[in-house]
Amino acid sequence: VGFNASYFSTLFKKESGQNFLEYVSEVRMNKAKDLLKETNDTIANICSQVGYNDTKHFTQSFKKHTGLKPNEYRKLFS
């Protein structure tokens, strides 16, 4: 968008109430939740689809966001 990263982050937080990385993480987790509920894709495949390269890091982030591991979330909501 032509702004430096710091300025963009400040504007983004002012408008949305969260920083850009928090927003991106939320979007990724929401997509992961949808995929876990609606597909039979493996956790590793979903991890890759939502932009994570490391399944362990994805699982930790998912648990932090939802309180559940991805496989637990799938069992409860699919």
PDB file of N, CA and C in Angstrom:
ATOM      1  N   VAL A   1       0.820  -1.212   0.000  1.00  0.00           N
ATOM      2  CA  VAL A   1       0.000   0.000   0.000  1.00  0.00           C
ATOM      3  C   VAL A   1       0.853   1.261   0.000  1.00  0.00           C
ATOM      4  N   GLY A   2       2.162   1.111   0.050  1.00  0.00           N
ATOM      5  CA  GLY A   2       3.036   2.267  -0.021  1.00  0.00           C
ATOM      6  C   GLY A   2       3.403   2.886   1.317  1.00  0.00           C
ATOM      7  N   PHE A   3       2.922   2.336   2.425  1.00  0.00           N
ATOM      8  CA  PHE A   3       3.281   2.837   3.760  1.00  0.00           C
ATOM      9  C   PHE A   3       4.440   2.009   4.297  1.00  0.00           C
ATOM     10  N   ASN A   4       5.213   2.602   5.215  1.00  0.00           N
ATOM     11  CA  ASN A   4       6.189   1.744   5.878  1.00  0.00           C
ATOM     12  C   ASN A   4       5.442   0.857   6.879  1.00  0.00           C
ATOM     13  N   ALA A   5       6.055  -0.243   7.263  1.00  0.00           N
ATOM     14  CA  ALA A   5       5.383  -1.253   8.084  1.00  0.00           C
ATOM     15  C   ALA A   5       4.896  -0.693   9.415  1.00  0.00           C
ATOM     16  N   SER A   6       5.685   0.134  10.047  1.00  0.00           N
ATOM     17  CA  SER A   6       5.312   0.692  11.346  1.00  0.00           C
ATOM     18  C   SER A   6       4.085   1.595  11.230  1.00  0.00           C
ATOM     19  N   TYR A   7       4.081   2.433  10.217  1.00  0.00           N
ATOM     20  CA  TYR A   7       2.953   3.346  10.015  1.00  0.00           C
ATOM     21  C   TYR A   7       1.682   2.555   9.678  1.00  0.00           C
ATOM     22  N   PHE A   8       1.816   1.575   8.808  1.00  0.00           N
ATOM     23  CA  PHE A   8       0.671   0.742   8.460  1.00  0.00           C
ATOM     24  C   PHE A   8       0.108   0.041   9.695  1.00  0.00           C
ATOM     25  N   SER A   9       0.989  -0.496  10.515  1.00  0.00           N
ATOM     26  CA  SER A   9       0.559  -1.194  11.725  1.00  0.00           C
ATOM     27  C   SER A   9      -0.204  -0.259  12.659  1.00  0.00           C
ATOM     28  N   THR A  10       0.289   0.962  12.793  1.00  0.00           N
ATOM     29  CA  THR A  10      -0.386   1.951  13.640  1.00  0.00           C
ATOM     30  C   THR A  10      -1.781   2.266  13.095  1.00  0.00           C
ATOM     31  N   LEU A  11      -1.876   2.505  11.800  1.00  0.00           N
ATOM     32  CA  LEU A  11      -3.182   2.787  11.186  1.00  0.00           C
ATOM     33  C   LEU A  11      -4.134   1.607  11.323  1.00  0.00           C
ATOM     34  N   PHE A  12      -3.614   0.416  11.082  1.00  0.00           N
ATOM     35  CA  PHE A  12      -4.435  -0.787  11.152  1.00  0.00           C
ATOM     36  C   PHE A  12      -4.999  -0.967  12.564  1.00  0.00           C
ATOM     37  N   LYS A  13      -4.158  -0.811  13.562  1.00  0.00           N
ATOM     38  CA  LYS A  13      -4.603  -0.985  14.943  1.00  0.00           C
ATOM     39  C   LYS A  13      -5.619   0.092  15.328  1.00  0.00           C
ATOM     40  N   LYS A  14      -5.403   1.296  14.864  1.00  0.00           N
ATOM     41  CA  LYS A  14      -6.327   2.389  15.162  1.00  0.00           C
ATOM     42  C   LYS A  14      -7.715   2.097  14.594  1.00  0.00           C
ATOM     43  N   GLU A  15      -7.766   1.527  13.407  1.00  0.00           N
ATOM     44  CA  GLU A  15      -9.047   1.258  12.750  1.00  0.00           C
ATOM     45  C   GLU A  15      -9.709  -0.038  13.212  1.00  0.00           C
ATOM     46  N   SER A  16      -8.911  -1.054  13.495  1.00  0.00           N
ATOM     47  CA  SER A  16      -9.485  -2.366  13.783  1.00  0.00           C
ATOM     48  C   SER A  16      -9.437  -2.767  15.252  1.00  0.00           C
ATOM     49  N   GLY A  17      -8.577  -2.115  16.024  1.00  0.00           N
ATOM     50  CA  GLY A  17      -8.443  -2.482  17.432  1.00  0.00           C
ATOM     51  C   GLY A  17      -7.480  -3.627  17.685  1.00  0.00           C
ATOM     52  N   GLN A  18      -6.886  -4.172  16.632  1.00  0.00           N
ATOM     53  CA  GLN A  18      -5.902  -5.228  16.796  1.00  0.00           C
ATOM     54  C   GLN A  18      -4.783  -4.988  15.792  1.00  0.00           C
ATOM     55  N   ASN A  19      -3.597  -5.516  16.112  1.00  0.00           N
ATOM     56  CA  ASN A  19      -2.506  -5.304  15.166  1.00  0.00           C
ATOM     57  C   ASN A  19      -2.657  -6.248  13.985  1.00  0.00           C
ATOM     58  N   PHE A  20      -1.892  -5.987  12.935  1.00  0.00           N
ATOM     59  CA  PHE A  20      -2.043  -6.734  11.695  1.00  0.00           C
ATOM     60  C   PHE A  20      -1.750  -8.217  11.872  1.00  0.00           C
ATOM     61  N   LEU A  21      -0.728  -8.562  12.642  1.00  0.00           N
ATOM     62  CA  LEU A  21      -0.398  -9.975  12.847  1.00  0.00           C
ATOM     63  C   LEU A  21      -1.511 -10.707  13.595  1.00  0.00           C
ATOM     64  N   GLU A  22      -2.125 -10.038  14.555  1.00  0.00           N
ATOM     65  CA  GLU A  22      -3.262 -10.648  15.258  1.00  0.00           C
ATOM     66  C   GLU A  22      -4.417 -10.904  14.291  1.00  0.00           C
ATOM     67  N   TYR A  23      -4.647  -9.943  13.420  1.00  0.00           N
ATOM     68  CA  TYR A  23      -5.714 -10.083  12.426  1.00  0.00           C
ATOM     69  C   TYR A  23      -5.442 -11.262  11.490  1.00  0.00           C
ATOM     70  N   VAL A  24      -4.231 -11.347  10.967  1.00  0.00           N
ATOM     71  CA  VAL A  24      -3.881 -12.441  10.058  1.00  0.00           C
ATOM     72  C   VAL A  24      -4.024 -13.785  10.764  1.00  0.00           C
ATOM     73  N   SER A  25      -3.588 -13.852  12.002  1.00  0.00           N
ATOM     74  CA  SER A  25      -3.707 -15.090  12.772  1.00  0.00           C
ATOM     75  C   SER A  25      -5.175 -15.468  12.954  1.00  0.00           C
ATOM     76  N   GLU A  26      -6.022 -14.495  13.248  1.00  0.00           N
ATOM     77  CA  GLU A  26      -7.453 -14.752  13.423  1.00  0.00           C
ATOM     78  C   GLU A  26      -8.083 -15.272  12.126  1.00  0.00           C
ATOM     79  N   VAL A  27      -7.726 -14.671  11.008  1.00  0.00           N
ATOM     80  CA  VAL A  27      -8.248 -15.123   9.709  1.00  0.00           C
ATOM     81  C   VAL A  27      -7.809 -16.561   9.442  1.00  0.00           C
ATOM     82  N   ARG A  28      -6.547 -16.863   9.699  1.00  0.00           N
ATOM     83  CA  ARG A  28      -6.035 -18.219   9.481  1.00  0.00           C
ATOM     84  C   ARG A  28      -6.754 -19.228  10.370  1.00  0.00           C
ATOM     85  N   MET A  29      -6.941 -18.891  11.628  1.00  0.00           N
ATOM     86  CA  MET A  29      -7.595 -19.816  12.554  1.00  0.00           C
ATOM     87  C   MET A  29      -9.054 -20.042  12.177  1.00  0.00           C
ATOM     88  N   ASN A  30      -9.746 -18.988  11.745  1.00  0.00           N
ATOM     89  CA  ASN A  30     -11.138 -19.151  11.325  1.00  0.00           C
ATOM     90  C   ASN A  30     -11.244 -20.058  10.103  1.00  0.00           C
ATOM     91  N   LYS A  31     -10.322 -19.911   9.170  1.00  0.00           N
ATOM     92  CA  LYS A  31     -10.302 -20.787   7.993  1.00  0.00           C
ATOM     93  C   LYS A  31      -9.988 -22.220   8.407  1.00  0.00           C
ATOM     94  N   ALA A  32      -9.046 -22.388   9.322  1.00  0.00           N
ATOM     95  CA  ALA A  32      -8.701 -23.724   9.807  1.00  0.00           C
ATOM     96  C   ALA A  32      -9.909 -24.374  10.481  1.00  0.00           C
ATOM     97  N   LYS A  33     -10.633 -23.617  11.279  1.00  0.00           N
ATOM     98  CA  LYS A  33     -11.834 -24.167  11.929  1.00  0.00           C
ATOM     99  C   LYS A  33     -12.851 -24.625  10.892  1.00  0.00           C
ATOM    100  N   ASP A  34     -13.060 -23.821   9.853  1.00  0.00           N
ATOM    101  CA  ASP A  34     -13.979 -24.215   8.785  1.00  0.00           C
ATOM    102  C   ASP A  34     -13.522 -25.499   8.108  1.00  0.00           C
ATOM    103  N   LEU A  35     -12.243 -25.572   7.790  1.00  0.00           N
ATOM    104  CA  LEU A  35     -11.709 -26.763   7.125  1.00  0.00           C
ATOM    105  C   LEU A  35     -11.807 -28.000   8.014  1.00  0.00           C
ATOM    106  N   LEU A  36     -11.574 -27.836   9.296  1.00  0.00           N
ATOM    107  CA  LEU A  36     -11.679 -28.969  10.222  1.00  0.00           C
ATOM    108  C   LEU A  36     -13.118 -29.481  10.308  1.00  0.00           C
ATOM    109  N   LYS A  37     -14.073 -28.570  10.253  1.00  0.00           N
ATOM    110  CA  LYS A  37     -15.482 -28.960  10.338  1.00  0.00           C
ATOM    111  C   LYS A  37     -16.006 -29.539   9.027  1.00  0.00           C
ATOM    112  N   GLU A  38     -15.544 -29.005   7.897  1.00  0.00           N
ATOM    113  CA  GLU A  38     -16.182 -29.298   6.621  1.00  0.00           C
ATOM    114  C   GLU A  38     -15.428 -30.288   5.734  1.00  0.00           C
ATOM    115  N   THR A  39     -14.186 -30.633   6.088  1.00  0.00           N
ATOM    116  CA  THR A  39     -13.415 -31.556   5.247  1.00  0.00           C
ATOM    117  C   THR A  39     -12.834 -32.683   6.094  1.00  0.00           C
ATOM    118  N   ASN A  40     -12.300 -33.656   5.403  1.00  0.00           N
ATOM    119  CA  ASN A  40     -11.575 -34.748   6.062  1.00  0.00           C
ATOM    120  C   ASN A  40     -10.079 -34.625   5.818  1.00  0.00           C
ATOM    121  N   ASP A  41      -9.638 -33.429   5.388  1.00  0.00           N
ATOM    122  CA  ASP A  41      -8.213 -33.202   5.156  1.00  0.00           C
ATOM    123  C   ASP A  41      -7.425 -33.455   6.436  1.00  0.00           C
ATOM    124  N   THR A  42      -6.190 -33.887   6.265  1.00  0.00           N
ATOM    125  CA  THR A  42      -5.330 -34.104   7.428  1.00  0.00           C
ATOM    126  C   THR A  42      -5.002 -32.765   8.089  1.00  0.00           C
ATOM    127  N   ILE A  43      -4.604 -32.830   9.336  1.00  0.00           N
ATOM    128  CA  ILE A  43      -4.191 -31.625  10.060  1.00  0.00           C
ATOM    129  C   ILE A  43      -3.008 -30.985   9.339  1.00  0.00           C
ATOM    130  N   ALA A  44      -2.081 -31.798   8.857  1.00  0.00           N
ATOM    131  CA  ALA A  44      -0.909 -31.276   8.146  1.00  0.00           C
ATOM    132  C   ALA A  44      -1.329 -30.528   6.883  1.00  0.00           C
ATOM    133  N   ASN A  45      -2.298 -31.058   6.156  1.00  0.00           N
ATOM    134  CA  ASN A  45      -2.769 -30.405   4.942  1.00  0.00           C
ATOM    135  C   ASN A  45      -3.472 -29.087   5.277  1.00  0.00           C
ATOM    136  N   ILE A  46      -4.300 -29.091   6.294  1.00  0.00           N
ATOM    137  CA  ILE A  46      -4.984 -27.861   6.722  1.00  0.00           C
ATOM    138  C   ILE A  46      -3.965 -26.834   7.181  1.00  0.00           C
ATOM    139  N   CYS A  47      -2.982 -27.279   7.923  1.00  0.00           N
ATOM    140  CA  CYS A  47      -1.891 -26.421   8.377  1.00  0.00           C
ATOM    141  C   CYS A  47      -1.276 -25.689   7.190  1.00  0.00           C
ATOM    142  N   SER A  48      -0.975 -26.418   6.152  1.00  0.00           N
ATOM    143  CA  SER A  48      -0.373 -25.843   4.955  1.00  0.00           C
ATOM    144  C   SER A  48      -1.339 -24.896   4.237  1.00  0.00           C
ATOM    145  N   GLN A  49      -2.601 -25.281   4.162  1.00  0.00           N
ATOM    146  CA  GLN A  49      -3.603 -24.471   3.465  1.00  0.00           C
ATOM    147  C   GLN A  49      -3.805 -23.103   4.110  1.00  0.00           C
ATOM    148  N   VAL A  50      -3.626 -23.019   5.414  1.00  0.00           N
ATOM    149  CA  VAL A  50      -3.849 -21.740   6.105  1.00  0.00           C
ATOM    150  C   VAL A  50      -2.555 -20.967   6.348  1.00  0.00           C
ATOM    151  N   GLY A  51      -1.459 -21.436   5.750  1.00  0.00           N
ATOM    152  CA  GLY A  51      -0.240 -20.646   5.745  1.00  0.00           C
ATOM    153  C   GLY A  51       0.804 -20.967   6.793  1.00  0.00           C
ATOM    154  N   TYR A  52       0.690 -22.118   7.436  1.00  0.00           N
ATOM    155  CA  TYR A  52       1.708 -22.529   8.402  1.00  0.00           C
ATOM    156  C   TYR A  52       2.600 -23.583   7.775  1.00  0.00           C
ATOM    157  N   ASN A  53       3.902 -23.498   8.025  1.00  0.00           N
ATOM    158  CA  ASN A  53       4.851 -24.479   7.506  1.00  0.00           C
ATOM    159  C   ASN A  53       5.135 -25.589   8.499  1.00  0.00           C
ATOM    160  N   ASP A  54       4.826 -25.344   9.769  1.00  0.00           N
ATOM    161  CA  ASP A  54       5.167 -26.280  10.836  1.00  0.00           C
ATOM    162  C   ASP A  54       3.898 -26.706  11.572  1.00  0.00           C
ATOM    163  N   THR A  55       3.600 -28.002  11.518  1.00  0.00           N
ATOM    164  CA  THR A  55       2.376 -28.519  12.138  1.00  0.00           C
ATOM    165  C   THR A  55       2.367 -28.292  13.643  1.00  0.00           C
ATOM    166  N   LYS A  56       3.524 -28.439  14.279  1.00  0.00           N
ATOM    167  CA  LYS A  56       3.593 -28.243  15.728  1.00  0.00           C
ATOM    168  C   LYS A  56       3.250 -26.789  16.087  1.00  0.00           C
ATOM    169  N   HIS A  57       3.804 -25.849  15.360  1.00  0.00           N
ATOM    170  CA  HIS A  57       3.511 -24.431  15.613  1.00  0.00           C
ATOM    171  C   HIS A  57       2.039 -24.133  15.343  1.00  0.00           C
ATOM    172  N   PHE A  58       1.497 -24.698  14.267  1.00  0.00           N
ATOM    173  CA  PHE A  58       0.070 -24.529  13.961  1.00  0.00           C
ATOM    174  C   PHE A  58      -0.786 -25.060  15.105  1.00  0.00           C
ATOM    175  N   THR A  59      -0.464 -26.254  15.584  1.00  0.00           N
ATOM    176  CA  THR A  59      -1.243 -26.866  16.667  1.00  0.00           C
ATOM    177  C   THR A  59      -1.198 -26.004  17.922  1.00  0.00           C
ATOM    178  N   GLN A  60      -0.020 -25.480  18.264  1.00  0.00           N
ATOM    179  CA  GLN A  60       0.100 -24.603  19.435  1.00  0.00           C
ATOM    180  C   GLN A  60      -0.711 -23.321  19.249  1.00  0.00           C
ATOM    181  N   SER A  61      -0.632 -22.729  18.077  1.00  0.00           N
ATOM    182  CA  SER A  61      -1.382 -21.503  17.799  1.00  0.00           C
ATOM    183  C   SER A  61      -2.881 -21.761  17.820  1.00  0.00           C
ATOM    184  N   PHE A  62      -3.294 -22.884  17.252  1.00  0.00           N
ATOM    185  CA  PHE A  62      -4.714 -23.237  17.226  1.00  0.00           C
ATOM    186  C   PHE A  62      -5.238 -23.427  18.647  1.00  0.00           C
ATOM    187  N   LYS A  63      -4.463 -24.124  19.471  1.00  0.00           N
ATOM    188  CA  LYS A  63      -4.888 -24.350  20.856  1.00  0.00           C
ATOM    189  C   LYS A  63      -4.952 -23.032  21.628  1.00  0.00           C
ATOM    190  N   LYS A  64      -4.016 -22.145  21.388  1.00  0.00           N
ATOM    191  CA  LYS A  64      -4.027 -20.841  22.043  1.00  0.00           C
ATOM    192  C   LYS A  64      -5.270 -20.049  21.637  1.00  0.00           C
ATOM    193  N   HIS A  65      -5.650 -20.158  20.386  1.00  0.00           N
ATOM    194  CA  HIS A  65      -6.789 -19.407  19.854  1.00  0.00           C
ATOM    195  C   HIS A  65      -8.131 -20.003  20.283  1.00  0.00           C
ATOM    196  N   THR A  66      -8.234 -21.334  20.313  1.00  0.00           N
ATOM    197  CA  THR A  66      -9.530 -21.982  20.556  1.00  0.00           C
ATOM    198  C   THR A  66      -9.644 -22.705  21.897  1.00  0.00           C
ATOM    199  N   GLY A  67      -8.506 -22.999  22.511  1.00  0.00           N
ATOM    200  CA  GLY A  67      -8.521 -23.792  23.739  1.00  0.00           C
ATOM    201  C   GLY A  67      -8.507 -25.287  23.475  1.00  0.00           C
ATOM    202  N   LEU A  68      -8.506 -25.671  22.195  1.00  0.00           N
ATOM    203  CA  LEU A  68      -8.522 -27.077  21.813  1.00  0.00           C
ATOM    204  C   LEU A  68      -7.451 -27.350  20.767  1.00  0.00           C
ATOM    205  N   LYS A  69      -6.946 -28.592  20.751  1.00  0.00           N
ATOM    206  CA  LYS A  69      -6.072 -29.012  19.667  1.00  0.00           C
ATOM    207  C   LYS A  69      -6.947 -29.220  18.425  1.00  0.00           C
ATOM    208  N   PRO A  70      -6.362 -29.115  17.229  1.00  0.00           N
ATOM    209  CA  PRO A  70      -7.170 -29.273  16.015  1.00  0.00           C
ATOM    210  C   PRO A  70      -7.975 -30.573  15.963  1.00  0.00           C
ATOM    211  N   ASN A  71      -7.369 -31.686  16.362  1.00  0.00           N
ATOM    212  CA  ASN A  71      -8.103 -32.949  16.318  1.00  0.00           C
ATOM    213  C   ASN A  71      -9.251 -32.973  17.323  1.00  0.00           C
ATOM    214  N   GLU A  72      -9.079 -32.323  18.467  1.00  0.00           N
ATOM    215  CA  GLU A  72     -10.157 -32.221  19.458  1.00  0.00           C
ATOM    216  C   GLU A  72     -11.292 -31.353  18.907  1.00  0.00           C
ATOM    217  N   TYR A  73     -10.924 -30.261  18.270  1.00  0.00           N
ATOM    218  CA  TYR A  73     -11.916 -29.360  17.671  1.00  0.00           C
ATOM    219  C   TYR A  73     -12.726 -30.112  16.615  1.00  0.00           C
ATOM    220  N   ARG A  74     -12.057 -30.877  15.788  1.00  0.00           N
ATOM    221  CA  ARG A  74     -12.745 -31.632  14.733  1.00  0.00           C
ATOM    222  C   ARG A  74     -13.725 -32.620  15.340  1.00  0.00           C
ATOM    223  N   LYS A  75     -13.320 -33.319  16.387  1.00  0.00           N
ATOM    224  CA  LYS A  75     -14.203 -34.310  17.014  1.00  0.00           C
ATOM    225  C   LYS A  75     -15.441 -33.647  17.596  1.00  0.00           C
ATOM    226  N   LEU A  76     -15.307 -32.466  18.164  1.00  0.00           N
ATOM    227  CA  LEU A  76     -16.443 -31.777  18.777  1.00  0.00           C
ATOM    228  C   LEU A  76     -17.383 -31.125  17.767  1.00  0.00           C
ATOM    229  N   PHE A  77     -16.845 -30.609  16.679  1.00  0.00           N
ATOM    230  CA  PHE A  77     -17.642 -29.758  15.802  1.00  0.00           C
ATOM    231  C   PHE A  77     -17.909 -30.287  14.400  1.00  0.00           C
ATOM    232  N   SER A  78     -17.401 -31.465  14.069  1.00  0.00           N
ATOM    233  CA  SER A  78     -17.671 -31.958  12.708  1.00  0.00           C
ATOM    234  C   SER A  78     -18.784 -32.995  12.733  1.00  0.00           C
TER     235      SER A  78
END
